Amino acid sequence: MTEALTHEKIAEIVGELGPERIVQILDTGATVRELIEARFVAQQQEWRYADKPGLRTEIVHELYDILRTDLVDPHER
């Protein structure tokens, strides 16, 4: 069973975001695992699990695009 995202779960995984970003994330239909994967990729961290069954790459990419703006170091912009 995959765990669905909620506002609280999003805040737990990526920190507080504006309401517009929360809605964008929820609208993707992503799972908790997909949001975690997108967060690691956006922060240029390596996903530590070799086997990633159940992850939808297109959703992870969409989440990456949503998160990247908020997670980028301001000095990198």
N, C-alpha and C. Protein backbone atom coordinates (compact mmCIF):
# COMPACT_ATOMS: atom_id res chain seq x y z
N MET A 1 0.84 -1.18 0.00
CA MET A 1 0.00 0.00 0.00
C MET A 1 0.88 1.25 0.00
N THR A 2 0.52 2.22 -0.83
CA THR A 2 1.29 3.45 -0.88
C THR A 2 0.61 4.51 -0.02
N GLU A 3 1.43 5.27 0.64
CA GLU A 3 0.91 6.30 1.55
C GLU A 3 0.63 7.59 0.78
N ALA A 4 -0.59 8.07 0.87
CA ALA A 4 -0.99 9.29 0.18
C ALA A 4 -0.44 10.51 0.91
N LEU A 5 -0.22 11.56 0.16
CA LEU A 5 0.28 12.80 0.74
C LEU A 5 -0.83 13.62 1.38
N THR A 6 -0.50 14.28 2.44
CA THR A 6 -1.37 15.25 3.10
C THR A 6 -0.52 16.51 3.32
N HIS A 7 -1.17 17.61 3.66
CA HIS A 7 -0.44 18.85 3.95
C HIS A 7 0.58 18.61 5.05
N GLU A 8 0.19 17.90 6.09
CA GLU A 8 1.08 17.62 7.21
C GLU A 8 2.28 16.78 6.79
N LYS A 9 2.03 15.78 5.95
CA LYS A 9 3.11 14.90 5.50
C LYS A 9 4.08 15.67 4.59
N ILE A 10 3.54 16.55 3.74
CA ILE A 10 4.40 17.37 2.87
C ILE A 10 5.31 18.24 3.73
N ALA A 11 4.74 18.89 4.76
CA ALA A 11 5.53 19.75 5.65
C ALA A 11 6.60 18.94 6.37
N GLU A 12 6.27 17.72 6.74
CA GLU A 12 7.24 16.85 7.43
C GLU A 12 8.41 16.49 6.50
N ILE A 13 8.12 16.29 5.23
CA ILE A 13 9.15 15.85 4.28
C ILE A 13 9.98 17.02 3.76
N VAL A 14 9.34 18.12 3.39
CA VAL A 14 10.08 19.21 2.74
C VAL A 14 10.05 20.53 3.50
N GLY A 15 9.36 20.57 4.63
CA GLY A 15 9.23 21.82 5.36
C GLY A 15 8.00 22.58 4.90
N GLU A 16 7.76 23.68 5.53
CA GLU A 16 6.57 24.48 5.18
C GLU A 16 6.74 25.12 3.81
N LEU A 17 5.71 25.00 3.02
CA LEU A 17 5.66 25.62 1.70
C LEU A 17 4.41 26.49 1.64
N GLY A 18 4.38 27.38 0.70
CA GLY A 18 3.20 28.20 0.49
C GLY A 18 2.03 27.36 0.02
N PRO A 19 0.82 27.85 0.22
CA PRO A 19 -0.37 27.08 -0.15
C PRO A 19 -0.42 26.71 -1.63
N GLU A 20 0.10 27.57 -2.48
CA GLU A 20 0.09 27.28 -3.92
C GLU A 20 0.95 26.06 -4.23
N ARG A 21 2.12 25.97 -3.62
CA ARG A 21 3.01 24.83 -3.83
C ARG A 21 2.40 23.54 -3.26
N ILE A 22 1.75 23.66 -2.10
CA ILE A 22 1.09 22.48 -1.50
C ILE A 22 0.04 21.93 -2.46
N VAL A 23 -0.78 22.82 -3.02
CA VAL A 23 -1.82 22.40 -3.96
C VAL A 23 -1.19 21.76 -5.19
N GLN A 24 -0.12 22.35 -5.70
CA GLN A 24 0.57 21.78 -6.87
C GLN A 24 1.05 20.36 -6.57
N ILE A 25 1.63 20.17 -5.40
CA ILE A 25 2.12 18.85 -5.02
C ILE A 25 0.97 17.86 -4.88
N LEU A 26 -0.08 18.26 -4.18
CA LEU A 26 -1.23 17.37 -4.00
C LEU A 26 -1.87 17.02 -5.34
N ASP A 27 -1.90 17.97 -6.26
CA ASP A 27 -2.51 17.74 -7.58
C ASP A 27 -1.76 16.71 -8.42
N THR A 28 -0.50 16.45 -8.09
CA THR A 28 0.26 15.44 -8.85
C THR A 28 -0.24 14.02 -8.56
N GLY A 29 -0.88 13.84 -7.42
CA GLY A 29 -1.29 12.49 -7.03
C GLY A 29 -0.12 11.65 -6.56
N ALA A 30 0.97 12.31 -6.17
CA ALA A 30 2.19 11.62 -5.76
C ALA A 30 2.01 10.89 -4.44
N THR A 31 2.89 9.93 -4.25
CA THR A 31 2.96 9.20 -2.99
C THR A 31 4.05 9.82 -2.13
N VAL A 32 4.09 9.41 -0.89
CA VAL A 32 5.13 9.87 0.03
C VAL A 32 6.51 9.52 -0.52
N ARG A 33 6.68 8.29 -0.98
CA ARG A 33 7.98 7.85 -1.52
C ARG A 33 8.41 8.70 -2.70
N GLU A 34 7.47 9.07 -3.56
CA GLU A 34 7.80 9.89 -4.72
C GLU A 34 8.24 11.29 -4.30
N LEU A 35 7.59 11.85 -3.29
CA LEU A 35 7.99 13.16 -2.79
C LEU A 35 9.37 13.10 -2.13
N ILE A 36 9.63 12.05 -1.39
CA ILE A 36 10.95 11.89 -0.78
C ILE A 36 12.02 11.80 -1.86
N GLU A 37 11.78 11.02 -2.89
CA GLU A 37 12.72 10.88 -3.99
C GLU A 37 12.97 12.25 -4.65
N ALA A 38 11.92 12.98 -4.93
CA ALA A 38 12.06 14.29 -5.57
C ALA A 38 12.85 15.26 -4.68
N ARG A 39 12.62 15.19 -3.39
CA ARG A 39 13.34 16.05 -2.45
C ARG A 39 14.84 15.76 -2.48
N PHE A 40 15.20 14.47 -2.43
CA PHE A 40 16.61 14.10 -2.49
C PHE A 40 17.25 14.56 -3.80
N VAL A 41 16.56 14.36 -4.90
CA VAL A 41 17.10 14.77 -6.19
C VAL A 41 17.23 16.29 -6.25
N ALA A 42 16.23 17.03 -5.77
CA ALA A 42 16.27 18.49 -5.79
C ALA A 42 17.41 19.04 -4.93
N GLN A 43 17.74 18.32 -3.88
CA GLN A 43 18.84 18.75 -3.02
C GLN A 43 20.16 18.12 -3.44
N GLN A 44 20.15 17.44 -4.59
CA GLN A 44 21.33 16.79 -5.15
C GLN A 44 21.93 15.78 -4.19
N GLN A 45 21.05 15.06 -3.54
CA GLN A 45 21.47 13.96 -2.68
C GLN A 45 21.16 12.67 -3.42
N GLU A 46 21.87 11.64 -3.07
CA GLU A 46 21.68 10.36 -3.73
C GLU A 46 20.58 9.55 -3.04
N TRP A 47 19.69 8.98 -3.83
CA TRP A 47 18.69 8.05 -3.29
C TRP A 47 19.42 6.78 -2.92
N ARG A 48 19.30 6.32 -1.71
CA ARG A 48 20.13 5.24 -1.19
C ARG A 48 19.61 3.83 -1.47
N TYR A 49 18.51 3.71 -2.14
CA TYR A 49 17.94 2.39 -2.39
C TYR A 49 18.10 2.06 -3.87
N ALA A 50 18.74 0.93 -4.14
CA ALA A 50 18.97 0.53 -5.52
C ALA A 50 17.66 0.19 -6.22
N ASP A 51 16.76 -0.46 -5.53
CA ASP A 51 15.50 -0.90 -6.11
C ASP A 51 14.42 0.14 -5.79
N LYS A 52 13.78 0.68 -6.82
CA LYS A 52 12.77 1.71 -6.62
C LYS A 52 11.42 1.31 -7.24
N PRO A 53 10.93 0.12 -6.96
CA PRO A 53 9.65 -0.25 -7.55
C PRO A 53 8.53 0.66 -7.05
N GLY A 54 7.61 0.94 -7.93
CA GLY A 54 6.45 1.74 -7.54
C GLY A 54 6.63 3.23 -7.72
N LEU A 55 7.85 3.69 -8.01
CA LEU A 55 8.05 5.11 -8.23
C LEU A 55 7.71 5.44 -9.68
N ARG A 56 6.90 6.46 -9.87
CA ARG A 56 6.55 6.92 -11.21
C ARG A 56 7.47 8.08 -11.57
N THR A 57 8.38 7.83 -12.48
CA THR A 57 9.41 8.79 -12.84
C THR A 57 8.81 10.14 -13.25
N GLU A 58 7.75 10.11 -14.02
CA GLU A 58 7.15 11.37 -14.49
C GLU A 58 6.62 12.21 -13.33
N ILE A 59 6.11 11.55 -12.29
CA ILE A 59 5.62 12.27 -11.10
C ILE A 59 6.80 12.83 -10.32
N VAL A 60 7.86 12.05 -10.17
CA VAL A 60 9.05 12.52 -9.46
C VAL A 60 9.61 13.75 -10.17
N HIS A 61 9.66 13.74 -11.49
CA HIS A 61 10.15 14.89 -12.24
C HIS A 61 9.26 16.11 -12.03
N GLU A 62 7.96 15.90 -12.03
CA GLU A 62 7.03 17.00 -11.80
C GLU A 62 7.23 17.59 -10.40
N LEU A 63 7.37 16.74 -9.41
CA LEU A 63 7.63 17.19 -8.04
C LEU A 63 8.96 17.93 -7.95
N TYR A 64 9.96 17.41 -8.63
CA TYR A 64 11.28 18.05 -8.67
C TYR A 64 11.13 19.49 -9.16
N ASP A 65 10.39 19.68 -10.24
CA ASP A 65 10.19 21.03 -10.78
C ASP A 65 9.50 21.94 -9.77
N ILE A 66 8.55 21.42 -9.04
CA ILE A 66 7.83 22.20 -8.02
C ILE A 66 8.76 22.54 -6.86
N LEU A 67 9.55 21.58 -6.42
CA LEU A 67 10.39 21.77 -5.24
C LEU A 67 11.67 22.54 -5.52
N ARG A 68 12.21 22.40 -6.67
CA ARG A 68 13.55 22.94 -6.96
C ARG A 68 13.64 24.43 -6.61
N THR A 69 12.64 25.20 -6.91
CA THR A 69 12.65 26.63 -6.63
C THR A 69 12.80 26.89 -5.14
N ASP A 70 12.14 26.11 -4.31
CA ASP A 70 12.17 26.33 -2.86
C ASP A 70 13.40 25.75 -2.18
N LEU A 71 14.01 24.74 -2.77
CA LEU A 71 15.09 24.04 -2.10
C LEU A 71 16.48 24.49 -2.54
N VAL A 72 16.56 25.26 -3.62
CA VAL A 72 17.85 25.72 -4.11
C VAL A 72 18.44 26.72 -3.13
N ASP A 73 19.73 26.60 -2.90
CA ASP A 73 20.44 27.55 -2.06
C ASP A 73 20.36 28.93 -2.71
N PRO A 74 19.93 29.97 -1.98
CA PRO A 74 19.79 31.30 -2.58
C PRO A 74 21.08 31.81 -3.23
N HIS A 75 22.23 31.34 -2.78
CA HIS A 75 23.51 31.76 -3.35
C HIS A 75 23.75 31.11 -4.71
N GLU A 76 23.01 30.03 -5.03
CA GLU A 76 23.16 29.35 -6.31
C GLU A 76 22.32 29.99 -7.39
N ARG A 77 21.38 30.85 -7.03
CA ARG A 77 20.46 31.44 -8.02
C ARG A 77 21.12 32.51 -8.82
